[in-house]
Amino acid sequence: MATLLDWNAVSHKVKSYIGESPYCTAPNRAFTYVALEYLLSLSPEEIEDAITDGPNDRGIDAVYVDDRDGRNVIHLFQFKHVNSFVQAKKNFPSTEVDKLLSFCADLLNQNSGMKDTCNPILWTKVQEIWSALRNPTPSFEVHFCANMMALVETQKQRVMSALAGYRSFNVNHHTLDSLVRLFIEKKQPKIEAQLRVVDKNYFERTDGNIRGLIVT
C-alpha cells in the first residue's frame, strides 16, 4: 500500500513538470504528461498529440497508436489526479468504467455517429484507430492511471468481462504505488546545456523519447 513518502515522491515529480511545456499548466495536466512519458517513453510532441482530454472526450483522456518497430498497439487512457494524500487512499472512480465501455463498443462497431459525440481531437484519433485496425494483428492496451488506488475488484472484473468478448484487449491499472516504482526504475535526470552552432547546417531528430539536434 502506498505511503505518504510515495505521495510526496509523485507530487514532487508532477510539480517539477509544471511550466515545462504549454500543456503542463496545472498538477492534473502535468500528471497526464509525466505518466505518458514514463509509461510509453514518448517524446514531448507525441505526448501532446496523444492527449484528448476535454469536453466530449467520452472518458478517454489520451490515445496513442504505437506502430514503433512493427507494433500495432492501440493505447487508451483514463487519468485521475487527486490533490491530497487523504484522497489518494480512495479507489479509482467506478463511474468512469461505463464511459470507457461505451466508447469501445461504438469504436469497434465503427459507429459513424461518433463524430458527433467526440471532440475534434478524439475524433481524429478514432479515425487513426480505425486505420490501424485494417493492419495485421492489432491489439489494445487500456490504462486506468491515477495517483490513488485502483478500481475496486468488482469493477476490475466487470471491465475484464466486458472487454473479453473483443479479444486482443489487455487492462492495466497504474496506481500511486506502482507509479513510484516506475519513476524509480526509469529515473531520468534533467540536463541543461547550451550549444553554439556555426551557420545553419543542423536539423532536429526525434526517436521515441529521445530528442536531439544533429549538427553537420
N, C-alpha and C. Protein backbone atom coordinates (compact mmCIF):
# COMPACT_ATOMS: atom_id res chain seq x y z
N MET A 1 0.85 -1.20 0.00
CA MET A 1 0.00 0.00 0.00
C MET A 1 0.88 1.25 0.00
N ALA A 2 0.47 2.25 -0.77
CA ALA A 2 1.24 3.48 -0.88
C ALA A 2 1.25 4.24 0.45
N THR A 3 2.35 4.92 0.71
CA THR A 3 2.51 5.69 1.94
C THR A 3 2.64 7.18 1.62
N LEU A 4 2.75 7.98 2.67
CA LEU A 4 2.95 9.41 2.50
C LEU A 4 4.25 9.71 1.75
N LEU A 5 5.25 8.85 1.94
CA LEU A 5 6.51 9.00 1.20
C LEU A 5 6.26 8.86 -0.30
N ASP A 6 5.45 7.88 -0.68
CA ASP A 6 5.12 7.68 -2.09
C ASP A 6 4.36 8.89 -2.63
N TRP A 7 3.40 9.38 -1.85
CA TRP A 7 2.62 10.55 -2.26
C TRP A 7 3.53 11.74 -2.53
N ASN A 8 4.46 11.99 -1.62
CA ASN A 8 5.36 13.12 -1.78
C ASN A 8 6.26 12.96 -3.00
N ALA A 9 6.72 11.74 -3.24
CA ALA A 9 7.60 11.48 -4.39
C ALA A 9 6.89 11.78 -5.71
N VAL A 10 5.66 11.29 -5.84
CA VAL A 10 4.90 11.53 -7.06
C VAL A 10 4.52 13.01 -7.18
N SER A 11 4.13 13.63 -6.09
CA SER A 11 3.75 15.04 -6.11
C SER A 11 4.90 15.93 -6.56
N HIS A 12 6.10 15.66 -6.03
CA HIS A 12 7.27 16.46 -6.42
C HIS A 12 7.62 16.25 -7.90
N LYS A 13 7.48 15.00 -8.35
CA LYS A 13 7.75 14.72 -9.77
C LYS A 13 6.78 15.49 -10.66
N VAL A 14 5.50 15.47 -10.31
CA VAL A 14 4.48 16.17 -11.10
C VAL A 14 4.74 17.68 -11.09
N LYS A 15 5.01 18.24 -9.91
CA LYS A 15 5.23 19.69 -9.80
C LYS A 15 6.44 20.14 -10.60
N SER A 16 7.45 19.27 -10.73
CA SER A 16 8.65 19.64 -11.48
C SER A 16 8.38 19.81 -12.97
N TYR A 17 7.24 19.28 -13.44
CA TYR A 17 6.90 19.38 -14.86
C TYR A 17 6.00 20.57 -15.17
N ILE A 18 5.46 21.21 -14.15
CA ILE A 18 4.57 22.35 -14.40
C ILE A 18 5.38 23.48 -15.03
N GLY A 19 4.91 23.97 -16.17
CA GLY A 19 5.62 25.00 -16.91
C GLY A 19 6.65 24.49 -17.88
N GLU A 20 6.90 23.17 -17.88
CA GLU A 20 7.89 22.61 -18.80
C GLU A 20 7.40 22.55 -20.24
N SER A 21 6.09 22.55 -20.42
CA SER A 21 5.51 22.57 -21.76
C SER A 21 4.23 23.40 -21.70
N PRO A 22 3.74 23.86 -22.84
CA PRO A 22 2.50 24.64 -22.85
C PRO A 22 1.33 23.89 -22.23
N TYR A 23 1.35 22.57 -22.28
CA TYR A 23 0.23 21.79 -21.73
C TYR A 23 0.27 21.73 -20.21
N CYS A 24 1.45 21.72 -19.63
CA CYS A 24 1.60 21.48 -18.18
C CYS A 24 1.37 22.77 -17.38
N THR A 25 0.12 23.19 -17.30
CA THR A 25 -0.22 24.42 -16.60
C THR A 25 -0.76 24.18 -15.19
N ALA A 26 -1.04 22.93 -14.83
CA ALA A 26 -1.61 22.60 -13.53
C ALA A 26 -1.20 21.16 -13.17
N PRO A 27 -1.27 20.79 -11.88
CA PRO A 27 -0.84 19.45 -11.48
C PRO A 27 -1.55 18.31 -12.21
N ASN A 28 -2.87 18.43 -12.44
CA ASN A 28 -3.57 17.33 -13.11
C ASN A 28 -3.09 17.15 -14.55
N ARG A 29 -2.77 18.27 -15.22
CA ARG A 29 -2.28 18.18 -16.60
C ARG A 29 -0.84 17.66 -16.62
N ALA A 30 -0.03 18.11 -15.67
CA ALA A 30 1.35 17.63 -15.59
C ALA A 30 1.39 16.14 -15.27
N PHE A 31 0.45 15.67 -14.46
CA PHE A 31 0.37 14.24 -14.14
C PHE A 31 0.14 13.41 -15.40
N THR A 32 -0.79 13.85 -16.23
CA THR A 32 -1.04 13.17 -17.50
C THR A 32 0.22 13.12 -18.35
N TYR A 33 0.91 14.25 -18.43
CA TYR A 33 2.12 14.37 -19.24
C TYR A 33 3.21 13.42 -18.74
N VAL A 34 3.47 13.45 -17.42
CA VAL A 34 4.51 12.60 -16.84
C VAL A 34 4.19 11.12 -17.04
N ALA A 35 2.94 10.74 -16.82
CA ALA A 35 2.55 9.34 -16.95
C ALA A 35 2.77 8.84 -18.38
N LEU A 36 2.39 9.63 -19.37
CA LEU A 36 2.58 9.22 -20.76
C LEU A 36 4.06 9.10 -21.10
N GLU A 37 4.85 10.02 -20.57
CA GLU A 37 6.29 9.97 -20.84
C GLU A 37 6.92 8.70 -20.27
N TYR A 38 6.58 8.37 -19.03
CA TYR A 38 7.22 7.24 -18.37
C TYR A 38 6.63 5.90 -18.78
N LEU A 39 5.32 5.84 -19.00
CA LEU A 39 4.69 4.56 -19.33
C LEU A 39 5.00 4.11 -20.76
N LEU A 40 5.03 5.07 -21.69
CA LEU A 40 5.20 4.70 -23.10
C LEU A 40 6.49 5.23 -23.73
N SER A 41 7.30 5.95 -22.95
CA SER A 41 8.56 6.52 -23.47
C SER A 41 8.30 7.40 -24.70
N LEU A 42 7.37 8.32 -24.56
CA LEU A 42 7.01 9.20 -25.67
C LEU A 42 7.79 10.50 -25.62
N SER A 43 7.97 11.11 -26.79
CA SER A 43 8.60 12.42 -26.89
C SER A 43 7.57 13.49 -26.52
N PRO A 44 8.02 14.72 -26.24
CA PRO A 44 7.06 15.80 -25.93
C PRO A 44 6.00 15.99 -27.01
N GLU A 45 6.41 15.90 -28.27
CA GLU A 45 5.46 16.08 -29.37
C GLU A 45 4.44 14.95 -29.39
N GLU A 46 4.90 13.72 -29.16
CA GLU A 46 3.99 12.57 -29.16
C GLU A 46 3.01 12.65 -27.99
N ILE A 47 3.48 13.13 -26.85
CA ILE A 47 2.62 13.25 -25.68
C ILE A 47 1.49 14.22 -25.96
N GLU A 48 1.83 15.41 -26.44
CA GLU A 48 0.80 16.42 -26.67
C GLU A 48 -0.16 16.01 -27.78
N ASP A 49 0.34 15.25 -28.74
CA ASP A 49 -0.53 14.76 -29.81
C ASP A 49 -1.49 13.68 -29.29
N ALA A 50 -1.08 12.95 -28.27
CA ALA A 50 -1.89 11.83 -27.75
C ALA A 50 -3.05 12.30 -26.87
N ILE A 51 -2.93 13.47 -26.26
CA ILE A 51 -3.90 13.90 -25.26
C ILE A 51 -5.21 14.32 -25.91
N THR A 52 -6.30 13.73 -25.44
CA THR A 52 -7.64 14.02 -25.98
C THR A 52 -8.56 14.60 -24.91
N ASP A 53 -8.05 14.80 -23.72
CA ASP A 53 -8.84 15.25 -22.57
C ASP A 53 -9.53 16.58 -22.85
N GLY A 54 -10.78 16.70 -22.43
CA GLY A 54 -11.54 17.93 -22.62
C GLY A 54 -13.02 17.63 -22.76
N PRO A 55 -13.82 18.63 -23.09
CA PRO A 55 -15.25 18.38 -23.32
C PRO A 55 -15.47 17.32 -24.40
N ASN A 56 -16.45 16.46 -24.21
CA ASN A 56 -16.78 15.40 -25.17
C ASN A 56 -15.60 14.45 -25.44
N ASP A 57 -14.88 14.12 -24.37
CA ASP A 57 -13.77 13.18 -24.57
C ASP A 57 -14.19 11.72 -24.35
N ARG A 58 -15.48 11.50 -24.07
CA ARG A 58 -16.04 10.14 -23.92
C ARG A 58 -15.33 9.34 -22.83
N GLY A 59 -14.69 10.02 -21.88
CA GLY A 59 -13.95 9.31 -20.83
C GLY A 59 -12.59 8.83 -21.28
N ILE A 60 -12.15 9.23 -22.45
CA ILE A 60 -10.84 8.85 -22.99
C ILE A 60 -9.94 10.08 -22.94
N ASP A 61 -8.93 10.05 -22.08
CA ASP A 61 -8.08 11.22 -21.88
C ASP A 61 -6.86 11.25 -22.78
N ALA A 62 -6.49 10.10 -23.32
CA ALA A 62 -5.36 10.06 -24.25
C ALA A 62 -5.44 8.79 -25.10
N VAL A 63 -4.95 8.92 -26.33
CA VAL A 63 -4.91 7.78 -27.26
C VAL A 63 -3.55 7.79 -27.94
N TYR A 64 -2.90 6.65 -27.95
CA TYR A 64 -1.64 6.55 -28.68
C TYR A 64 -1.63 5.24 -29.48
N VAL A 65 -1.49 5.36 -30.79
CA VAL A 65 -1.38 4.19 -31.66
C VAL A 65 0.11 3.94 -31.87
N ASP A 66 0.60 2.88 -31.29
CA ASP A 66 2.03 2.58 -31.29
C ASP A 66 2.39 1.67 -32.46
N ASP A 67 3.03 2.26 -33.46
CA ASP A 67 3.48 1.49 -34.61
C ASP A 67 4.99 1.40 -34.66
N ARG A 68 5.65 1.69 -33.55
CA ARG A 68 7.11 1.62 -33.50
C ARG A 68 7.58 0.18 -33.62
N ASP A 69 8.64 -0.02 -34.38
CA ASP A 69 9.26 -1.35 -34.53
C ASP A 69 8.26 -2.42 -34.95
N GLY A 70 7.34 -2.05 -35.84
CA GLY A 70 6.39 -3.03 -36.37
C GLY A 70 5.22 -3.35 -35.47
N ARG A 71 5.07 -2.63 -34.36
CA ARG A 71 3.93 -2.87 -33.46
C ARG A 71 2.65 -2.34 -34.08
N ASN A 72 1.54 -2.80 -33.55
CA ASN A 72 0.23 -2.24 -33.90
C ASN A 72 -0.64 -2.30 -32.64
N VAL A 73 -0.24 -1.47 -31.66
CA VAL A 73 -0.86 -1.49 -30.34
C VAL A 73 -1.57 -0.15 -30.10
N ILE A 74 -2.84 -0.23 -29.74
CA ILE A 74 -3.65 0.96 -29.50
C ILE A 74 -3.81 1.15 -28.00
N HIS A 75 -3.31 2.25 -27.47
CA HIS A 75 -3.37 2.55 -26.05
C HIS A 75 -4.49 3.55 -25.77
N LEU A 76 -5.38 3.19 -24.85
CA LEU A 76 -6.46 4.07 -24.41
C LEU A 76 -6.26 4.38 -22.93
N PHE A 77 -6.29 5.66 -22.57
CA PHE A 77 -6.00 6.07 -21.20
C PHE A 77 -7.18 6.79 -20.54
N GLN A 78 -7.38 6.47 -19.28
CA GLN A 78 -8.20 7.28 -18.38
C GLN A 78 -7.30 7.72 -17.23
N PHE A 79 -7.24 9.03 -16.99
CA PHE A 79 -6.41 9.57 -15.91
C PHE A 79 -7.27 10.18 -14.82
N LYS A 80 -6.83 10.02 -13.58
CA LYS A 80 -7.44 10.72 -12.45
C LYS A 80 -6.31 11.23 -11.55
N HIS A 81 -6.41 12.51 -11.20
CA HIS A 81 -5.40 13.11 -10.32
C HIS A 81 -6.10 13.73 -9.12
N VAL A 82 -5.63 13.40 -7.93
CA VAL A 82 -6.19 13.98 -6.71
C VAL A 82 -5.15 14.87 -6.05
N ASN A 83 -5.61 15.74 -5.16
CA ASN A 83 -4.73 16.79 -4.63
C ASN A 83 -4.30 16.59 -3.19
N SER A 84 -4.64 15.45 -2.59
CA SER A 84 -4.21 15.21 -1.21
C SER A 84 -4.00 13.73 -0.97
N PHE A 85 -3.18 13.42 0.04
CA PHE A 85 -2.91 12.02 0.38
C PHE A 85 -4.17 11.33 0.89
N VAL A 86 -5.04 12.07 1.55
CA VAL A 86 -6.31 11.50 2.03
C VAL A 86 -7.13 11.00 0.85
N GLN A 87 -7.21 11.82 -0.21
CA GLN A 87 -7.95 11.41 -1.42
C GLN A 87 -7.27 10.24 -2.12
N ALA A 88 -5.94 10.18 -2.02
CA ALA A 88 -5.18 9.12 -2.68
C ALA A 88 -5.49 7.74 -2.11
N LYS A 89 -6.07 7.68 -0.93
CA LYS A 89 -6.43 6.41 -0.32
C LYS A 89 -7.73 5.84 -0.88
N LYS A 90 -8.40 6.62 -1.72
CA LYS A 90 -9.65 6.17 -2.32
C LYS A 90 -9.38 5.40 -3.61
N ASN A 91 -10.37 4.65 -4.05
CA ASN A 91 -10.23 3.88 -5.30
C ASN A 91 -10.56 4.73 -6.51
N PHE A 92 -10.01 4.32 -7.63
CA PHE A 92 -10.33 4.94 -8.92
C PHE A 92 -11.86 4.94 -9.07
N PRO A 93 -12.46 6.07 -9.46
CA PRO A 93 -13.94 6.14 -9.52
C PRO A 93 -14.55 5.16 -10.51
N SER A 94 -15.50 4.38 -10.03
CA SER A 94 -16.15 3.35 -10.85
C SER A 94 -17.02 3.95 -11.94
N THR A 95 -17.42 5.21 -11.77
CA THR A 95 -18.29 5.85 -12.77
C THR A 95 -17.60 5.97 -14.13
N GLU A 96 -16.26 5.89 -14.13
CA GLU A 96 -15.53 6.03 -15.39
C GLU A 96 -15.58 4.77 -16.25
N VAL A 97 -15.90 3.64 -15.63
CA VAL A 97 -15.91 2.37 -16.36
C VAL A 97 -16.93 2.38 -17.50
N ASP A 98 -18.14 2.85 -17.21
CA ASP A 98 -19.19 2.83 -18.24
C ASP A 98 -18.84 3.71 -19.43
N LYS A 99 -18.18 4.84 -19.17
CA LYS A 99 -17.78 5.72 -20.26
C LYS A 99 -16.82 5.00 -21.20
N LEU A 100 -15.83 4.31 -20.62
CA LEU A 100 -14.85 3.61 -21.44
C LEU A 100 -15.50 2.48 -22.23
N LEU A 101 -16.37 1.71 -21.57
CA LEU A 101 -17.00 0.58 -22.27
C LEU A 101 -17.91 1.06 -23.39
N SER A 102 -18.61 2.17 -23.17
CA SER A 102 -19.46 2.74 -24.22
C SER A 102 -18.63 3.19 -25.41
N PHE A 103 -17.48 3.82 -25.13
CA PHE A 103 -16.59 4.26 -26.20
C PHE A 103 -16.08 3.06 -27.00
N CYS A 104 -15.63 2.03 -26.32
CA CYS A 104 -15.09 0.84 -27.01
C CYS A 104 -16.15 0.16 -27.87
N ALA A 105 -17.39 0.10 -27.37
CA ALA A 105 -18.46 -0.52 -28.14
C ALA A 105 -18.72 0.25 -29.44
N ASP A 106 -18.80 1.56 -29.34
CA ASP A 106 -19.02 2.38 -30.54
C ASP A 106 -17.82 2.29 -31.49
N LEU A 107 -16.62 2.30 -30.91
CA LEU A 107 -15.40 2.25 -31.72
C LEU A 107 -15.34 0.97 -32.54
N LEU A 108 -15.61 -0.18 -31.90
CA LEU A 108 -15.46 -1.47 -32.57
C LEU A 108 -16.67 -1.85 -33.41
N ASN A 109 -17.75 -1.09 -33.28
CA ASN A 109 -18.89 -1.23 -34.20
C ASN A 109 -18.78 -0.23 -35.34
N GLN A 110 -17.69 0.52 -35.34
CA GLN A 110 -17.43 1.58 -36.33
C GLN A 110 -18.68 2.47 -36.49
N ASN A 111 -19.14 2.95 -35.37
CA ASN A 111 -20.32 3.81 -35.33
C ASN A 111 -19.98 5.18 -35.91
N SER A 112 -20.55 5.49 -37.07
CA SER A 112 -20.24 6.76 -37.74
C SER A 112 -20.74 7.95 -36.95
N GLY A 113 -21.68 7.73 -36.04
CA GLY A 113 -22.19 8.81 -35.22
C GLY A 113 -21.19 9.30 -34.18
N MET A 114 -20.04 8.63 -34.05
CA MET A 114 -19.04 9.06 -33.09
C MET A 114 -18.52 10.46 -33.39
N LYS A 115 -18.58 10.86 -34.64
CA LYS A 115 -18.11 12.20 -35.00
C LYS A 115 -18.88 13.27 -34.22
N ASP A 116 -20.15 12.99 -33.92
CA ASP A 116 -20.99 13.96 -33.21
C ASP A 116 -20.87 13.87 -31.70
N THR A 117 -20.24 12.79 -31.20
CA THR A 117 -20.14 12.62 -29.76
C THR A 117 -18.72 12.76 -29.23
N CYS A 118 -17.76 12.94 -30.13
CA CYS A 118 -16.35 13.09 -29.74
C CYS A 118 -15.88 14.51 -30.02
N ASN A 119 -14.95 14.99 -29.20
CA ASN A 119 -14.33 16.28 -29.55
C ASN A 119 -13.43 16.09 -30.77
N PRO A 120 -13.06 17.16 -31.46
CA PRO A 120 -12.31 17.03 -32.71
C PRO A 120 -11.02 16.23 -32.59
N ILE A 121 -10.31 16.40 -31.48
CA ILE A 121 -9.05 15.66 -31.31
C ILE A 121 -9.33 14.16 -31.17
N LEU A 122 -10.32 13.83 -30.35
CA LEU A 122 -10.66 12.41 -30.16
C LEU A 122 -11.19 11.80 -31.46
N TRP A 123 -11.98 12.55 -32.21
CA TRP A 123 -12.49 12.04 -33.48
C TRP A 123 -11.35 11.72 -34.45
N THR A 124 -10.32 12.56 -34.45
CA THR A 124 -9.14 12.29 -35.28
C THR A 124 -8.47 10.99 -34.85
N LYS A 125 -8.41 10.78 -33.54
CA LYS A 125 -7.81 9.56 -33.02
C LYS A 125 -8.66 8.33 -33.35
N VAL A 126 -9.98 8.48 -33.32
CA VAL A 126 -10.88 7.38 -33.68
C VAL A 126 -10.59 6.93 -35.11
N GLN A 127 -10.43 7.89 -36.01
CA GLN A 127 -10.14 7.54 -37.40
C GLN A 127 -8.76 6.89 -37.52
N GLU A 128 -7.83 7.35 -36.71
CA GLU A 128 -6.49 6.74 -36.70
C GLU A 128 -6.56 5.29 -36.22
N ILE A 129 -7.39 5.04 -35.22
CA ILE A 129 -7.57 3.68 -34.71
C ILE A 129 -8.21 2.79 -35.77
N TRP A 130 -9.25 3.29 -36.43
CA TRP A 130 -9.90 2.50 -37.48
C TRP A 130 -8.91 2.15 -38.59
N SER A 131 -8.02 3.07 -38.89
CA SER A 131 -6.99 2.80 -39.89
C SER A 131 -6.03 1.71 -39.39
N ALA A 132 -5.66 1.77 -38.11
CA ALA A 132 -4.76 0.77 -37.54
C ALA A 132 -5.40 -0.61 -37.52
N LEU A 133 -6.72 -0.65 -37.34
CA LEU A 133 -7.43 -1.93 -37.28
C LEU A 133 -7.45 -2.64 -38.64
N ARG A 134 -7.13 -1.92 -39.70
CA ARG A 134 -7.04 -2.56 -41.02
C ARG A 134 -5.68 -3.23 -41.22
N ASN A 135 -4.74 -2.97 -40.32
CA ASN A 135 -3.41 -3.58 -40.41
C ASN A 135 -3.37 -4.88 -39.62
N PRO A 136 -2.35 -5.72 -39.86
CA PRO A 136 -2.30 -7.03 -39.19
C PRO A 136 -2.14 -6.93 -37.67
N THR A 137 -2.69 -7.90 -36.98
CA THR A 137 -2.54 -8.15 -35.54
C THR A 137 -2.63 -6.90 -34.66
N PRO A 138 -3.74 -6.18 -34.73
CA PRO A 138 -3.90 -5.05 -33.79
C PRO A 138 -4.23 -5.57 -32.39
N SER A 139 -3.85 -4.80 -31.40
CA SER A 139 -4.21 -5.13 -30.02
C SER A 139 -4.43 -3.84 -29.25
N PHE A 140 -5.16 -3.96 -28.14
CA PHE A 140 -5.50 -2.80 -27.32
C PHE A 140 -4.91 -2.94 -25.93
N GLU A 141 -4.41 -1.83 -25.41
CA GLU A 141 -3.99 -1.73 -24.02
C GLU A 141 -4.81 -0.60 -23.38
N VAL A 142 -5.62 -0.96 -22.40
CA VAL A 142 -6.43 0.01 -21.68
C VAL A 142 -5.72 0.36 -20.38
N HIS A 143 -5.61 1.64 -20.08
CA HIS A 143 -4.89 2.09 -18.89
C HIS A 143 -5.79 2.93 -17.99
N PHE A 144 -5.97 2.47 -16.75
CA PHE A 144 -6.59 3.28 -15.72
C PHE A 144 -5.44 3.80 -14.85
N CYS A 145 -5.18 5.08 -14.94
CA CYS A 145 -3.97 5.64 -14.33
C CYS A 145 -4.33 6.76 -13.37
N ALA A 146 -3.89 6.64 -12.11
CA ALA A 146 -4.24 7.66 -11.11
C ALA A 146 -3.23 7.66 -9.97
N ASN A 147 -3.12 8.80 -9.30
CA ASN A 147 -2.27 8.88 -8.11
C ASN A 147 -3.11 8.53 -6.88
N MET A 148 -3.76 7.38 -6.98
CA MET A 148 -4.64 6.87 -5.92
C MET A 148 -4.69 5.36 -6.05
N MET A 149 -5.65 4.71 -5.42
CA MET A 149 -5.77 3.26 -5.51
C MET A 149 -6.50 2.84 -6.78
N ALA A 150 -6.39 1.58 -7.13
CA ALA A 150 -7.01 1.07 -8.36
C ALA A 150 -8.52 0.93 -8.19
N LEU A 151 -9.19 0.60 -9.27
CA LEU A 151 -10.61 0.26 -9.20
C LEU A 151 -10.84 -0.84 -8.17
N VAL A 152 -12.01 -0.85 -7.55
CA VAL A 152 -12.33 -1.95 -6.65
C VAL A 152 -12.41 -3.24 -7.46
N GLU A 153 -12.22 -4.36 -6.81
CA GLU A 153 -12.08 -5.64 -7.50
C GLU A 153 -13.29 -5.97 -8.37
N THR A 154 -14.50 -5.68 -7.88
CA THR A 154 -15.69 -6.00 -8.66
C THR A 154 -15.72 -5.23 -9.98
N GLN A 155 -15.25 -3.98 -9.96
CA GLN A 155 -15.22 -3.17 -11.18
C GLN A 155 -14.10 -3.63 -12.11
N LYS A 156 -12.99 -4.08 -11.55
CA LYS A 156 -11.92 -4.65 -12.38
C LYS A 156 -12.46 -5.85 -13.16
N GLN A 157 -13.19 -6.70 -12.47
CA GLN A 157 -13.74 -7.89 -13.11
C GLN A 157 -14.79 -7.52 -14.16
N ARG A 158 -15.56 -6.48 -13.88
CA ARG A 158 -16.58 -6.04 -14.84
C ARG A 158 -15.93 -5.55 -16.14
N VAL A 159 -14.85 -4.80 -16.00
CA VAL A 159 -14.12 -4.33 -17.19
C VAL A 159 -13.59 -5.51 -17.98
N MET A 160 -12.93 -6.44 -17.29
CA MET A 160 -12.35 -7.60 -17.96
C MET A 160 -13.42 -8.42 -18.67
N SER A 161 -14.55 -8.63 -18.02
CA SER A 161 -15.62 -9.42 -18.62
C SER A 161 -16.21 -8.74 -19.85
N ALA A 162 -16.38 -7.42 -19.75
CA ALA A 162 -16.97 -6.68 -20.86
C ALA A 162 -16.05 -6.64 -22.08
N LEU A 163 -14.73 -6.58 -21.84
CA LEU A 163 -13.78 -6.47 -22.95
C LEU A 163 -13.33 -7.84 -23.46
N ALA A 164 -13.59 -8.89 -22.71
CA ALA A 164 -13.13 -10.23 -23.09
C ALA A 164 -13.70 -10.66 -24.44
N GLY A 165 -14.92 -10.24 -24.73
CA GLY A 165 -15.54 -10.63 -25.99
C GLY A 165 -14.86 -10.06 -27.22
N TYR A 166 -14.10 -8.99 -27.03
CA TYR A 166 -13.40 -8.38 -28.17
C TYR A 166 -12.05 -9.05 -28.43
N ARG A 167 -11.60 -9.90 -27.48
CA ARG A 167 -10.26 -10.48 -27.54
C ARG A 167 -9.22 -9.34 -27.63
N SER A 168 -8.02 -9.59 -27.79
CA SER A 168 -6.96 -8.61 -28.06
C SER A 168 -6.99 -7.38 -27.15
N PHE A 169 -7.60 -7.48 -25.97
CA PHE A 169 -7.63 -6.37 -25.02
C PHE A 169 -6.88 -6.76 -23.75
N ASN A 170 -6.03 -5.86 -23.29
CA ASN A 170 -5.36 -6.04 -22.01
C ASN A 170 -5.62 -4.80 -21.15
N VAL A 171 -5.89 -4.99 -19.87
CA VAL A 171 -6.23 -3.87 -18.98
C VAL A 171 -5.12 -3.67 -17.96
N ASN A 172 -4.66 -2.41 -17.83
CA ASN A 172 -3.58 -2.06 -16.91
C ASN A 172 -4.08 -1.08 -15.87
N HIS A 173 -3.69 -1.29 -14.61
CA HIS A 173 -4.07 -0.39 -13.52
C HIS A 173 -2.79 0.22 -12.94
N HIS A 174 -2.63 1.51 -13.14
CA HIS A 174 -1.46 2.23 -12.64
C HIS A 174 -1.88 3.05 -11.43
N THR A 175 -1.30 2.75 -10.28
CA THR A 175 -1.68 3.38 -9.03
C THR A 175 -0.54 4.24 -8.48
N LEU A 176 -0.82 4.93 -7.39
CA LEU A 176 0.23 5.72 -6.74
C LEU A 176 1.43 4.85 -6.42
N ASP A 177 1.18 3.68 -5.90
CA ASP A 177 2.24 2.75 -5.54
C ASP A 177 3.07 2.32 -6.75
N SER A 178 2.40 1.91 -7.82
CA SER A 178 3.13 1.42 -8.99
C SER A 178 3.85 2.56 -9.73
N LEU A 179 3.28 3.76 -9.69
CA LEU A 179 3.93 4.89 -10.37
C LEU A 179 5.23 5.26 -9.68
N VAL A 180 5.27 5.19 -8.36
CA VAL A 180 6.51 5.46 -7.64
C VAL A 180 7.60 4.50 -8.09
N ARG A 181 7.25 3.22 -8.17
CA ARG A 181 8.23 2.21 -8.62
C ARG A 181 8.70 2.51 -10.03
N LEU A 182 7.77 2.92 -10.89
CA LEU A 182 8.12 3.24 -12.28
C LEU A 182 9.10 4.41 -12.34
N PHE A 183 8.84 5.45 -11.56
CA PHE A 183 9.71 6.63 -11.56
C PHE A 183 11.11 6.28 -11.07
N ILE A 184 11.18 5.40 -10.09
CA ILE A 184 12.49 4.99 -9.55
C ILE A 184 13.25 4.17 -10.58
N GLU A 185 12.55 3.24 -11.23
CA GLU A 185 13.19 2.36 -12.21
C GLU A 185 13.69 3.12 -13.43
N LYS A 186 12.95 4.16 -13.82
CA LYS A 186 13.30 4.91 -15.03
C LYS A 186 13.73 6.33 -14.69
N LYS A 187 14.49 6.46 -13.62
CA LYS A 187 14.93 7.78 -13.18
C LYS A 187 15.75 8.43 -14.28
N GLN A 188 15.31 9.61 -14.70
CA GLN A 188 15.94 10.31 -15.82
C GLN A 188 16.32 11.71 -15.38
N PRO A 189 17.61 11.97 -15.10
CA PRO A 189 18.00 13.32 -14.68
C PRO A 189 17.83 14.32 -15.81
N LYS A 190 17.41 15.53 -15.45
CA LYS A 190 17.27 16.59 -16.44
C LYS A 190 18.62 17.29 -16.61
N ILE A 191 19.06 17.43 -17.83
CA ILE A 191 20.35 18.06 -18.11
C ILE A 191 20.11 19.28 -18.97
N GLU A 192 20.64 20.41 -18.52
CA GLU A 192 20.51 21.64 -19.28
C GLU A 192 21.88 22.08 -19.76
N ALA A 193 21.97 22.43 -21.04
CA ALA A 193 23.24 22.89 -21.61
C ALA A 193 22.96 23.75 -22.82
N GLN A 194 23.96 24.50 -23.25
CA GLN A 194 23.83 25.34 -24.42
C GLN A 194 24.90 24.97 -25.44
N LEU A 195 24.51 24.95 -26.71
CA LEU A 195 25.44 24.67 -27.80
C LEU A 195 25.48 25.87 -28.73
N ARG A 196 26.66 26.17 -29.22
CA ARG A 196 26.79 27.24 -30.21
C ARG A 196 27.01 26.59 -31.57
N VAL A 197 26.16 26.91 -32.51
CA VAL A 197 26.21 26.31 -33.85
C VAL A 197 26.64 27.36 -34.86
N VAL A 198 27.60 27.01 -35.68
CA VAL A 198 28.06 27.91 -36.73
C VAL A 198 27.22 27.68 -37.98
N ASP A 199 26.74 28.77 -38.60
CA ASP A 199 25.90 28.69 -39.79
C ASP A 199 24.60 27.97 -39.45
N LYS A 200 23.94 27.37 -40.41
CA LYS A 200 22.64 26.75 -40.20
C LYS A 200 22.61 25.30 -40.66
N ASN A 201 23.77 24.63 -40.57
CA ASN A 201 23.85 23.24 -41.00
C ASN A 201 23.48 22.30 -39.85
N TYR A 202 22.20 22.33 -39.46
CA TYR A 202 21.74 21.47 -38.38
C TYR A 202 20.27 21.12 -38.60
N PHE A 203 19.83 20.03 -37.99
CA PHE A 203 18.42 19.66 -38.05
C PHE A 203 18.07 18.87 -36.79
N GLU A 204 16.76 18.85 -36.49
CA GLU A 204 16.28 18.20 -35.28
C GLU A 204 15.78 16.80 -35.62
N ARG A 205 16.00 15.85 -34.68
CA ARG A 205 15.50 14.49 -34.88
C ARG A 205 14.90 13.98 -33.57
N THR A 206 13.75 13.32 -33.67
CA THR A 206 13.09 12.73 -32.51
C THR A 206 12.94 11.23 -32.75
N ASP A 207 13.36 10.44 -31.76
CA ASP A 207 13.26 8.98 -31.86
C ASP A 207 12.77 8.45 -30.51
N GLY A 208 11.49 8.06 -30.45
CA GLY A 208 10.91 7.63 -29.18
C GLY A 208 10.88 8.79 -28.21
N ASN A 209 11.48 8.60 -27.02
CA ASN A 209 11.51 9.69 -26.05
C ASN A 209 12.82 10.45 -26.09
N ILE A 210 13.62 10.24 -27.15
CA ILE A 210 14.90 10.92 -27.30
C ILE A 210 14.79 12.00 -28.38
N ARG A 211 15.14 13.21 -28.02
CA ARG A 211 15.06 14.32 -28.95
C ARG A 211 16.44 14.94 -29.05
N GLY A 212 16.96 15.09 -30.27
CA GLY A 212 18.31 15.59 -30.41
C GLY A 212 18.48 16.57 -31.56
N LEU A 213 19.60 17.27 -31.53
CA LEU A 213 19.96 18.22 -32.58
C LEU A 213 21.22 17.69 -33.25
N ILE A 214 21.13 17.47 -34.55
CA ILE A 214 22.27 16.95 -35.30
C ILE A 214 22.92 18.09 -36.06
N VAL A 215 24.22 18.26 -35.86
CA VAL A 215 24.96 19.36 -36.47
C VAL A 215 25.96 18.78 -37.45
N THR A 216 26.00 19.35 -38.66
CA THR A 216 26.95 18.86 -39.67
C THR A 216 28.04 19.88 -39.91
